[in-house]
């Protein structure tokens, strides 16, 4: 599989996990004592953090909070995640 395909798959997984986490959070807004929903929240939060860390390690920052360099501002040095798909 080409590197670009792997990158796109990882980015899509990140989007799906982000969506699931937001939806669970919205559900918890109205059902704050639902233990199963809270377990799902923590499960997806962990998965999302792992997926984001893997993406950032392999392909660079997804958001400005992922910039780690103290030497220069690397956010603008490479294509942004949505530009890499082209």
N, C-alpha and C. Protein backbone atom coordinates (compact mmCIF):
# COMPACT_ATOMS: atom_id res chain seq x y z
N UNK A 1 0.85 -1.19 0.00
CA UNK A 1 0.00 0.00 0.00
C UNK A 1 0.89 1.24 0.00
N UNK A 2 0.52 2.19 -0.81
CA UNK A 2 1.30 3.42 -0.91
C UNK A 2 1.22 4.22 0.39
N UNK A 3 2.28 4.97 0.66
CA UNK A 3 2.35 5.78 1.86
C UNK A 3 1.19 6.77 1.95
N UNK A 4 0.82 7.35 0.82
CA UNK A 4 -0.29 8.32 0.80
C UNK A 4 -1.60 7.65 1.21
N UNK A 5 -1.81 6.42 0.79
CA UNK A 5 -3.02 5.70 1.16
C UNK A 5 -3.04 5.43 2.66
N UNK A 6 -1.90 5.03 3.21
CA UNK A 6 -1.80 4.78 4.65
C UNK A 6 -2.08 6.06 5.43
N UNK A 7 -1.55 7.15 4.94
CA UNK A 7 -1.76 8.44 5.60
C UNK A 7 -3.23 8.81 5.56
N UNK A 8 -3.86 8.65 4.42
CA UNK A 8 -5.29 8.96 4.29
C UNK A 8 -6.14 8.08 5.19
N UNK A 9 -5.77 6.80 5.28
CA UNK A 9 -6.51 5.89 6.16
C UNK A 9 -6.38 6.30 7.62
N UNK A 10 -5.19 6.68 8.02
CA UNK A 10 -4.97 7.11 9.41
C UNK A 10 -5.71 8.41 9.69
N UNK A 11 -5.70 9.33 8.74
CA UNK A 11 -6.43 10.58 8.91
C UNK A 11 -7.94 10.32 8.99
N UNK A 12 -8.45 9.41 8.16
CA UNK A 12 -9.87 9.05 8.21
C UNK A 12 -10.23 8.41 9.56
N UNK A 13 -9.37 7.55 10.07
CA UNK A 13 -9.60 6.95 11.38
C UNK A 13 -9.64 8.02 12.46
N UNK A 14 -8.74 8.99 12.38
CA UNK A 14 -8.73 10.11 13.32
C UNK A 14 -10.06 10.86 13.27
N UNK A 15 -10.54 11.13 12.07
CA UNK A 15 -11.82 11.84 11.92
C UNK A 15 -12.98 11.04 12.51
N UNK A 16 -13.00 9.75 12.25
CA UNK A 16 -14.08 8.90 12.76
C UNK A 16 -14.06 8.85 14.28
N UNK A 17 -12.89 8.69 14.85
CA UNK A 17 -12.78 8.65 16.31
C UNK A 17 -13.13 10.00 16.93
N UNK A 18 -12.75 11.09 16.28
CA UNK A 18 -13.10 12.43 16.76
C UNK A 18 -14.61 12.61 16.76
N UNK A 19 -15.25 12.17 15.69
CA UNK A 19 -16.70 12.26 15.59
C UNK A 19 -17.37 11.44 16.70
N UNK A 20 -16.92 10.22 16.89
CA UNK A 20 -17.50 9.36 17.93
C UNK A 20 -17.34 10.00 19.30
N UNK A 21 -16.17 10.56 19.58
CA UNK A 21 -15.93 11.18 20.88
C UNK A 21 -16.84 12.39 21.09
N UNK A 22 -17.02 13.21 20.05
CA UNK A 22 -17.93 14.36 20.16
C UNK A 22 -19.37 13.91 20.41
N UNK A 23 -19.80 12.88 19.70
CA UNK A 23 -21.16 12.37 19.86
C UNK A 23 -21.39 11.81 21.25
N UNK A 24 -20.43 11.06 21.74
CA UNK A 24 -20.55 10.51 23.10
C UNK A 24 -20.57 11.65 24.11
N UNK A 25 -19.75 12.67 23.89
CA UNK A 25 -19.76 13.83 24.78
C UNK A 25 -21.10 14.54 24.79
N UNK A 26 -21.71 14.66 23.63
CA UNK A 26 -23.05 15.28 23.56
C UNK A 26 -24.07 14.44 24.31
N UNK A 27 -23.98 13.12 24.16
CA UNK A 27 -24.89 12.23 24.89
C UNK A 27 -24.69 12.39 26.39
N UNK A 28 -23.42 12.46 26.81
CA UNK A 28 -23.13 12.61 28.24
C UNK A 28 -23.59 13.96 28.79
N UNK A 29 -23.72 14.96 27.93
CA UNK A 29 -24.25 16.25 28.39
C UNK A 29 -25.65 16.10 28.95
N UNK A 30 -26.41 15.18 28.38
CA UNK A 30 -27.80 14.99 28.83
C UNK A 30 -27.98 13.72 29.67
N UNK A 31 -26.96 12.90 29.76
CA UNK A 31 -27.00 11.66 30.54
C UNK A 31 -25.70 11.51 31.34
N UNK A 32 -25.41 12.45 32.23
CA UNK A 32 -24.10 12.49 32.88
C UNK A 32 -23.79 11.31 33.80
N UNK A 33 -24.79 10.54 34.20
CA UNK A 33 -24.54 9.42 35.10
C UNK A 33 -24.53 8.07 34.38
N UNK A 34 -24.59 8.09 33.06
CA UNK A 34 -24.61 6.84 32.28
C UNK A 34 -23.19 6.25 32.26
N UNK A 35 -23.02 5.19 33.05
CA UNK A 35 -21.68 4.58 33.21
C UNK A 35 -21.16 3.98 31.90
N UNK A 36 -22.04 3.35 31.13
CA UNK A 36 -21.61 2.74 29.87
C UNK A 36 -21.14 3.81 28.89
N UNK A 37 -21.86 4.91 28.81
CA UNK A 37 -21.46 6.00 27.93
C UNK A 37 -20.13 6.59 28.38
N UNK A 38 -19.95 6.69 29.68
CA UNK A 38 -18.69 7.22 30.20
C UNK A 38 -17.53 6.27 29.89
N UNK A 39 -17.76 4.96 29.98
CA UNK A 39 -16.73 4.00 29.59
C UNK A 39 -16.40 4.14 28.10
N UNK A 40 -17.43 4.31 27.27
CA UNK A 40 -17.21 4.52 25.83
C UNK A 40 -16.41 5.79 25.58
N UNK A 41 -16.73 6.84 26.32
CA UNK A 41 -16.01 8.11 26.17
C UNK A 41 -14.52 7.89 26.42
N UNK A 42 -14.20 7.25 27.54
CA UNK A 42 -12.79 7.04 27.87
C UNK A 42 -12.10 6.11 26.88
N UNK A 43 -12.81 5.12 26.38
CA UNK A 43 -12.25 4.22 25.38
C UNK A 43 -11.90 5.00 24.11
N UNK A 44 -12.85 5.80 23.60
CA UNK A 44 -12.60 6.55 22.37
C UNK A 44 -11.60 7.67 22.58
N UNK A 45 -11.57 8.25 23.76
CA UNK A 45 -10.58 9.28 24.06
C UNK A 45 -9.18 8.70 23.96
N UNK A 46 -8.97 7.51 24.55
CA UNK A 46 -7.68 6.83 24.50
C UNK A 46 -7.31 6.48 23.06
N UNK A 47 -8.26 5.91 22.32
CA UNK A 47 -8.01 5.55 20.92
C UNK A 47 -7.64 6.79 20.10
N UNK A 48 -8.38 7.87 20.30
CA UNK A 48 -8.11 9.10 19.56
C UNK A 48 -6.73 9.65 19.88
N UNK A 49 -6.36 9.65 21.14
CA UNK A 49 -5.02 10.14 21.52
C UNK A 49 -3.93 9.29 20.88
N UNK A 50 -4.13 7.98 20.85
CA UNK A 50 -3.15 7.08 20.23
C UNK A 50 -3.06 7.32 18.72
N UNK A 51 -4.22 7.45 18.07
CA UNK A 51 -4.24 7.68 16.63
C UNK A 51 -3.60 9.01 16.28
N UNK A 52 -3.92 10.04 17.05
CA UNK A 52 -3.33 11.35 16.80
C UNK A 52 -1.82 11.32 16.98
N UNK A 53 -1.36 10.68 18.05
CA UNK A 53 0.08 10.59 18.30
C UNK A 53 0.79 9.85 17.15
N UNK A 54 0.18 8.78 16.68
CA UNK A 54 0.77 8.02 15.58
C UNK A 54 0.83 8.87 14.30
N UNK A 55 -0.27 9.58 14.01
CA UNK A 55 -0.30 10.43 12.82
C UNK A 55 0.77 11.52 12.90
N UNK A 56 0.83 12.19 14.02
CA UNK A 56 1.80 13.28 14.20
C UNK A 56 3.23 12.76 14.07
N UNK A 57 3.49 11.60 14.63
CA UNK A 57 4.83 11.02 14.55
C UNK A 57 5.20 10.70 13.10
N UNK A 58 4.26 10.16 12.34
CA UNK A 58 4.55 9.74 10.97
C UNK A 58 4.46 10.85 9.94
N UNK A 59 3.48 11.78 10.11
CA UNK A 59 3.18 12.72 9.02
C UNK A 59 3.23 14.19 9.42
N UNK A 60 3.41 14.49 10.69
CA UNK A 60 3.47 15.89 11.10
C UNK A 60 2.21 16.32 11.83
N UNK A 61 2.18 17.57 12.25
CA UNK A 61 1.09 18.05 13.10
C UNK A 61 -0.28 18.04 12.40
N UNK A 62 -1.29 17.67 13.18
CA UNK A 62 -2.68 17.77 12.72
C UNK A 62 -3.27 19.12 13.08
N UNK A 63 -2.86 19.65 14.21
CA UNK A 63 -3.32 20.96 14.67
C UNK A 63 -2.11 21.74 15.20
N UNK A 64 -2.30 23.00 15.46
CA UNK A 64 -1.18 23.81 15.95
C UNK A 64 -0.68 23.32 17.30
N UNK A 65 -1.51 22.67 18.08
CA UNK A 65 -1.06 22.17 19.38
C UNK A 65 -0.06 21.04 19.25
N UNK A 66 0.04 20.46 18.05
CA UNK A 66 0.97 19.36 17.81
C UNK A 66 2.37 19.80 17.42
N UNK A 67 2.59 21.09 17.24
CA UNK A 67 3.92 21.59 16.89
C UNK A 67 4.81 21.50 18.12
N UNK A 68 5.91 20.79 17.98
CA UNK A 68 6.81 20.56 19.12
C UNK A 68 8.11 21.34 19.02
N UNK A 69 8.47 21.80 17.85
CA UNK A 69 9.76 22.45 17.64
C UNK A 69 9.88 23.75 18.44
N UNK A 70 11.03 23.91 19.04
CA UNK A 70 11.33 25.16 19.74
C UNK A 70 12.27 26.03 18.92
N UNK A 71 12.68 25.52 17.76
CA UNK A 71 13.62 26.24 16.89
C UNK A 71 12.91 27.15 15.89
N UNK A 72 11.80 26.65 15.31
CA UNK A 72 11.04 27.46 14.36
C UNK A 72 9.61 26.93 14.29
N UNK A 73 8.75 27.71 13.69
CA UNK A 73 7.34 27.39 13.57
C UNK A 73 7.14 26.43 12.40
N UNK A 74 7.00 25.14 12.69
CA UNK A 74 6.95 24.11 11.65
C UNK A 74 5.57 23.90 11.05
N UNK A 75 4.56 24.51 11.62
CA UNK A 75 3.19 24.31 11.15
C UNK A 75 3.03 24.66 9.67
N UNK A 76 3.71 25.68 9.21
CA UNK A 76 3.55 26.13 7.83
C UNK A 76 4.59 25.56 6.88
N UNK A 77 5.46 24.69 7.34
CA UNK A 77 6.54 24.16 6.51
C UNK A 77 6.12 22.98 5.64
N UNK A 78 5.07 22.31 5.99
CA UNK A 78 4.62 21.14 5.22
C UNK A 78 3.15 21.35 4.85
N UNK A 79 2.67 20.58 3.90
CA UNK A 79 1.24 20.70 3.58
C UNK A 79 0.39 20.41 4.82
N UNK A 80 -0.70 21.10 4.96
CA UNK A 80 -1.61 20.85 6.07
C UNK A 80 -2.33 19.54 5.83
N UNK A 81 -2.88 18.92 6.87
CA UNK A 81 -3.48 17.59 6.70
C UNK A 81 -4.49 17.51 5.55
N UNK A 82 -5.29 18.51 5.37
CA UNK A 82 -6.31 18.47 4.32
C UNK A 82 -5.71 18.69 2.93
N UNK A 83 -4.50 19.25 2.87
CA UNK A 83 -3.83 19.43 1.58
C UNK A 83 -3.05 18.19 1.15
N UNK A 84 -2.75 17.33 2.06
CA UNK A 84 -1.95 16.13 1.77
C UNK A 84 -2.72 15.09 0.99
N UNK A 85 -4.02 15.20 0.94
CA UNK A 85 -4.84 14.22 0.26
C UNK A 85 -4.80 14.37 -1.26
N UNK A 86 -4.42 15.52 -1.73
CA UNK A 86 -4.44 15.79 -3.17
C UNK A 86 -3.44 14.95 -3.92
